[in-house]
């Protein structure tokens, strides 16, 4: 998890299930926050958990989206993906 302009929080998970990520998300991200993810279904309940949830669909070739049509692609997860590219440094 990465706050835009903020810190990164990473966790090793025993599995990728909603029951596993829910307490981590609730303990790290303030309720009501806007959360951007890819289309992986583990994130499907974020809206039910009290977050504004936006996705990009990598499977469809989507990596960023300009939802308000103002020329800035505000929906993306590129910042977090960029973080993972640093792991070998």
Protein backbone atom coordinates (compact mmCIF):
# COMPACT_ATOMS: atom_id res chain seq x y z
CA UNK A 1 0.00 0.00 0.00
CA UNK A 2 1.28 3.44 -0.86
CA UNK A 3 -0.08 6.82 0.06
CA UNK A 4 0.36 9.23 -2.81
CA UNK A 5 3.24 11.44 -1.77
CA UNK A 6 3.55 9.39 1.42
CA UNK A 7 4.96 6.19 2.75
CA UNK A 8 4.88 2.59 1.56
CA UNK A 9 3.55 -0.26 3.69
CA UNK A 10 4.22 -3.84 2.59
CA UNK A 11 3.15 -7.11 4.18
CA UNK A 12 3.98 -10.73 3.43
CA UNK A 13 0.63 -12.53 3.30
CA UNK A 14 0.01 -16.21 4.06
CA UNK A 15 -2.63 -16.18 1.30
CA UNK A 16 -4.46 -13.77 -0.99
CA UNK A 17 -7.96 -13.79 0.43
CA UNK A 18 -10.26 -10.94 1.39
CA UNK A 19 -10.35 -12.16 5.01
CA UNK A 20 -6.55 -11.83 5.11
CA UNK A 21 -6.27 -8.34 3.61
CA UNK A 22 -9.29 -6.78 5.32
CA UNK A 23 -7.68 -6.22 8.76
CA UNK A 24 -4.46 -4.98 7.14
CA UNK A 25 -6.32 -2.50 4.97
CA UNK A 26 -8.52 -1.33 7.86
CA UNK A 27 -5.46 -0.93 10.08
CA UNK A 28 -3.50 1.02 7.48
CA UNK A 29 -5.97 3.03 5.36
CA UNK A 30 -8.45 5.49 6.89
CA UNK A 31 -12.08 4.65 6.20
CA UNK A 32 -13.45 6.90 3.46
CA UNK A 33 -10.11 7.06 1.63
CA UNK A 34 -9.90 6.68 -2.12
CA UNK A 35 -8.14 3.44 -3.05
CA UNK A 36 -6.84 2.53 -6.53
CA UNK A 37 -6.13 -1.11 -7.42
CA UNK A 38 -5.88 -3.36 -10.41
CA UNK A 39 -8.79 -5.63 -11.31
CA UNK A 40 -7.79 -8.52 -9.05
CA UNK A 41 -10.97 -9.72 -7.31
CA UNK A 42 -9.44 -9.71 -3.83
CA UNK A 43 -10.19 -5.96 -3.81
CA UNK A 44 -13.87 -6.25 -4.81
CA UNK A 45 -15.20 -5.52 -1.31
CA UNK A 46 -13.30 -2.29 -0.71
CA UNK A 47 -16.44 -0.22 -1.37
CA UNK A 48 -18.40 -2.35 1.12
CA UNK A 49 -15.63 -1.81 3.69
CA UNK A 50 -16.05 1.97 3.48
CA UNK A 51 -13.55 3.04 0.83
CA UNK A 52 -13.98 4.78 -2.51
CA UNK A 53 -12.57 2.19 -4.89
CA UNK A 54 -11.31 2.74 -8.44
CA UNK A 55 -9.69 0.10 -10.62
CA UNK A 56 -7.65 -0.15 -13.77
CA UNK A 57 -7.95 -3.30 -15.82
CA UNK A 58 -4.52 -4.49 -16.87
CA UNK A 59 -6.04 -7.55 -18.57
CA UNK A 60 -7.79 -5.17 -21.00
CA UNK A 61 -4.60 -3.15 -21.59
CA UNK A 62 -5.68 -0.31 -19.29
CA UNK A 63 -2.95 1.16 -17.09
CA UNK A 64 -4.33 4.64 -16.35
CA UNK A 65 -7.67 6.37 -16.83
CA UNK A 66 -8.74 10.01 -17.14
CA UNK A 67 -12.16 9.75 -15.45
CA UNK A 68 -12.97 13.46 -15.40
CA UNK A 69 -11.66 14.08 -18.96
CA UNK A 70 -9.36 16.94 -17.89
CA UNK A 71 -6.25 15.46 -19.52
CA UNK A 72 -4.76 13.96 -16.34
CA UNK A 73 -4.92 10.19 -15.85
CA UNK A 74 -5.76 10.21 -12.16
CA UNK A 75 -6.79 6.55 -11.82
CA UNK A 76 -3.67 4.34 -11.86
CA UNK A 77 -1.45 2.17 -9.70
CA UNK A 78 1.78 3.11 -11.47
CA UNK A 79 3.34 4.58 -8.32
CA UNK A 80 3.08 1.26 -6.47
CA UNK A 81 4.25 -0.70 -9.49
CA UNK A 82 7.22 1.64 -9.76
CA UNK A 83 8.07 0.84 -6.14
CA UNK A 84 8.35 -2.88 -6.97
CA UNK A 85 10.85 -2.07 -9.73
CA UNK A 86 13.25 -0.83 -7.01
CA UNK A 87 13.49 -4.18 -5.24
CA UNK A 88 16.73 -5.16 -6.98
CA UNK A 89 18.60 -1.94 -6.17
